[in-house]
Amino acid sequence: MSSRLEVAAVLGALVLAGCSSAATSGSASPAFTPQAECERNGGWWRAEMNFCEYEAPPTTPFPRPVR
């Protein structure tokens, strides 16, 4: 009798887990959108182009030859 109860409890948990994930499957979480990822990494999100823009690193001058 105990094993039947355990099986019923596991099946019930699986059914509830399946229903809860189906109910929340909408758009992606705001924390994982390309815009959020871009801003987290220090970029500027350009929504009109769906593009993340970053500032170019400073250029270093070419070394002069040693004479």
N, C-alpha and C. Protein backbone atom coordinates (compact mmCIF):
# COMPACT_ATOMS: atom_id res chain seq x y z
N MET A 1 0.82 -1.18 0.00
CA MET A 1 0.00 0.00 0.00
C MET A 1 0.87 1.26 0.00
N SER A 2 2.00 1.21 0.70
CA SER A 2 2.88 2.36 0.78
C SER A 2 3.47 2.71 -0.59
N SER A 3 3.84 1.71 -1.38
CA SER A 3 4.43 1.99 -2.70
C SER A 3 3.40 2.62 -3.64
N ARG A 4 2.13 2.22 -3.54
CA ARG A 4 1.09 2.83 -4.37
C ARG A 4 0.92 4.31 -4.02
N LEU A 5 1.00 4.60 -2.74
CA LEU A 5 0.87 5.98 -2.31
C LEU A 5 2.04 6.81 -2.82
N GLU A 6 3.24 6.24 -2.78
CA GLU A 6 4.42 6.95 -3.28
C GLU A 6 4.32 7.19 -4.78
N VAL A 7 3.87 6.18 -5.51
CA VAL A 7 3.71 6.33 -6.96
C VAL A 7 2.66 7.40 -7.27
N ALA A 8 1.58 7.40 -6.54
CA ALA A 8 0.53 8.40 -6.74
C ALA A 8 1.05 9.80 -6.44
N ALA A 9 1.86 9.93 -5.41
CA ALA A 9 2.41 11.23 -5.05
C ALA A 9 3.37 11.73 -6.13
N VAL A 10 4.20 10.84 -6.66
CA VAL A 10 5.15 11.22 -7.71
C VAL A 10 4.39 11.63 -8.98
N LEU A 11 3.39 10.85 -9.36
CA LEU A 11 2.60 11.19 -10.55
C LEU A 11 1.87 12.51 -10.38
N GLY A 12 1.34 12.74 -9.21
CA GLY A 12 0.66 14.01 -8.94
C GLY A 12 1.62 15.19 -9.04
N ALA A 13 2.83 15.01 -8.53
CA ALA A 13 3.84 16.08 -8.60
C ALA A 13 4.22 16.35 -10.05
N LEU A 14 4.35 15.29 -10.86
CA LEU A 14 4.68 15.47 -12.27
C LEU A 14 3.58 16.20 -13.03
N VAL A 15 2.35 15.87 -12.73
CA VAL A 15 1.23 16.54 -13.39
C VAL A 15 1.21 18.01 -13.02
N LEU A 16 1.40 18.32 -11.75
CA LEU A 16 1.40 19.71 -11.31
C LEU A 16 2.58 20.47 -11.91
N ALA A 17 3.73 19.83 -12.00
CA ALA A 17 4.90 20.49 -12.59
C ALA A 17 4.66 20.77 -14.06
N GLY A 18 4.04 19.85 -14.75
CA GLY A 18 3.73 20.06 -16.16
C GLY A 18 2.75 21.20 -16.37
N CYS A 19 1.77 21.30 -15.52
CA CYS A 19 0.79 22.37 -15.65
C CYS A 19 1.40 23.73 -15.33
N SER A 20 2.26 23.78 -14.34
CA SER A 20 2.83 25.07 -13.97
C SER A 20 3.77 25.58 -15.03
N SER A 21 4.53 24.71 -15.68
CA SER A 21 5.45 25.20 -16.71
C SER A 21 4.68 25.62 -17.95
N ALA A 22 3.58 24.97 -18.25
CA ALA A 22 2.79 25.35 -19.43
C ALA A 22 2.12 26.70 -19.21
N ALA A 23 1.75 26.99 -17.99
CA ALA A 23 1.06 28.25 -17.71
C ALA A 23 2.01 29.44 -17.79
N THR A 24 3.30 29.24 -17.52
CA THR A 24 4.24 30.35 -17.51
C THR A 24 5.03 30.46 -18.80
N SER A 25 4.74 29.62 -19.79
CA SER A 25 5.54 29.69 -21.02
C SER A 25 5.04 30.81 -21.91
N GLY A 26 5.50 31.99 -21.63
CA GLY A 26 5.16 33.16 -22.42
C GLY A 26 6.42 33.67 -23.08
N SER A 27 6.65 34.94 -23.00
CA SER A 27 7.87 35.49 -23.55
C SER A 27 9.03 35.20 -22.59
N ALA A 28 10.22 35.44 -23.06
CA ALA A 28 11.41 35.20 -22.26
C ALA A 28 11.42 36.13 -21.05
N SER A 29 12.07 35.69 -20.01
CA SER A 29 12.20 36.51 -18.82
C SER A 29 12.98 37.77 -19.17
N PRO A 30 12.62 38.92 -18.62
CA PRO A 30 13.33 40.15 -18.96
C PRO A 30 14.82 40.09 -18.66
N ALA A 31 15.22 39.23 -17.70
CA ALA A 31 16.63 39.14 -17.36
C ALA A 31 17.44 38.47 -18.45
N PHE A 32 16.81 37.76 -19.39
CA PHE A 32 17.54 37.02 -20.40
C PHE A 32 17.26 37.52 -21.81
N THR A 33 16.74 38.70 -21.97
CA THR A 33 16.50 39.25 -23.29
C THR A 33 17.81 39.80 -23.85
N PRO A 34 17.92 39.91 -25.16
CA PRO A 34 19.15 40.49 -25.72
C PRO A 34 19.42 41.90 -25.21
N GLN A 35 18.37 42.69 -25.00
CA GLN A 35 18.56 44.04 -24.49
C GLN A 35 19.17 44.02 -23.09
N ALA A 36 18.66 43.17 -22.21
CA ALA A 36 19.19 43.10 -20.85
C ALA A 36 20.64 42.61 -20.86
N GLU A 37 20.94 41.63 -21.70
CA GLU A 37 22.31 41.11 -21.80
C GLU A 37 23.25 42.20 -22.30
N CYS A 38 22.81 42.96 -23.29
CA CYS A 38 23.61 44.06 -23.83
C CYS A 38 23.92 45.09 -22.75
N GLU A 39 22.90 45.52 -22.05
CA GLU A 39 23.08 46.55 -21.02
C GLU A 39 23.91 46.03 -19.85
N ARG A 40 23.77 44.76 -19.52
CA ARG A 40 24.58 44.16 -18.46
C ARG A 40 26.07 44.17 -18.81
N ASN A 41 26.37 44.04 -20.11
CA ASN A 41 27.76 44.00 -20.55
C ASN A 41 28.31 45.37 -20.93
N GLY A 42 27.56 46.44 -20.65
CA GLY A 42 28.06 47.79 -20.86
C GLY A 42 27.79 48.35 -22.25
N GLY A 43 26.87 47.78 -22.98
CA GLY A 43 26.55 48.28 -24.31
C GLY A 43 25.32 49.16 -24.31
N TRP A 44 25.00 49.70 -25.49
CA TRP A 44 23.80 50.50 -25.68
C TRP A 44 22.90 49.74 -26.64
N TRP A 45 21.68 49.45 -26.22
CA TRP A 45 20.75 48.69 -27.05
C TRP A 45 20.07 49.63 -28.05
N ARG A 46 20.15 49.30 -29.33
CA ARG A 46 19.51 50.05 -30.41
C ARG A 46 18.31 49.24 -30.88
N ALA A 47 17.13 49.56 -30.34
CA ALA A 47 15.92 48.78 -30.60
C ALA A 47 15.51 48.84 -32.07
N GLU A 48 15.70 49.99 -32.71
CA GLU A 48 15.27 50.11 -34.10
C GLU A 48 16.07 49.19 -35.04
N MET A 49 17.28 48.81 -34.62
CA MET A 49 18.10 47.92 -35.44
C MET A 49 18.25 46.53 -34.81
N ASN A 50 17.70 46.35 -33.60
CA ASN A 50 17.85 45.10 -32.86
C ASN A 50 19.34 44.77 -32.73
N PHE A 51 20.10 45.73 -32.21
CA PHE A 51 21.56 45.67 -32.24
C PHE A 51 22.12 46.22 -30.94
N CYS A 52 23.20 45.61 -30.47
CA CYS A 52 23.89 46.09 -29.27
C CYS A 52 25.17 46.80 -29.71
N GLU A 53 25.34 48.03 -29.27
CA GLU A 53 26.49 48.83 -29.66
C GLU A 53 27.43 48.98 -28.47
N TYR A 54 28.72 48.80 -28.72
CA TYR A 54 29.74 48.95 -27.69
C TYR A 54 30.71 50.05 -28.09
N GLU A 55 31.31 50.69 -27.10
CA GLU A 55 32.32 51.70 -27.37
C GLU A 55 33.61 50.99 -27.78
N ALA A 56 34.25 51.50 -28.81
CA ALA A 56 35.50 50.90 -29.29
C ALA A 56 36.59 51.15 -28.25
N PRO A 57 37.49 50.18 -28.07
CA PRO A 57 38.58 50.40 -27.14
C PRO A 57 39.52 51.49 -27.67
N PRO A 58 40.23 52.17 -26.79
CA PRO A 58 41.12 53.23 -27.25
C PRO A 58 42.23 52.64 -28.14
N THR A 59 42.60 53.39 -29.15
CA THR A 59 43.67 52.92 -30.05
C THR A 59 45.01 53.21 -29.43
N THR A 60 45.95 52.36 -29.70
CA THR A 60 47.32 52.57 -29.22
C THR A 60 48.17 52.98 -30.40
N PRO A 61 49.04 53.97 -30.23
CA PRO A 61 49.90 54.38 -31.34
C PRO A 61 50.92 53.28 -31.65
N PHE A 62 51.33 53.25 -32.90
CA PHE A 62 52.35 52.27 -33.28
C PHE A 62 53.67 52.64 -32.62
N PRO A 63 54.41 51.67 -32.14
CA PRO A 63 55.70 52.01 -31.51
C PRO A 63 56.69 52.51 -32.57
N ARG A 64 57.49 53.46 -32.17
CA ARG A 64 58.52 54.01 -33.08
C ARG A 64 59.71 53.07 -33.08
N PRO A 65 60.33 52.94 -34.21
CA PRO A 65 61.51 52.08 -34.25
C PRO A 65 62.64 52.67 -33.40
N VAL A 66 63.39 51.81 -32.77
CA VAL A 66 64.50 52.22 -31.91
C VAL A 66 65.71 52.46 -32.80
N ARG A 67 66.39 53.60 -32.62
CA ARG A 67 67.59 53.91 -33.43
C ARG A 67 68.82 53.85 -32.61
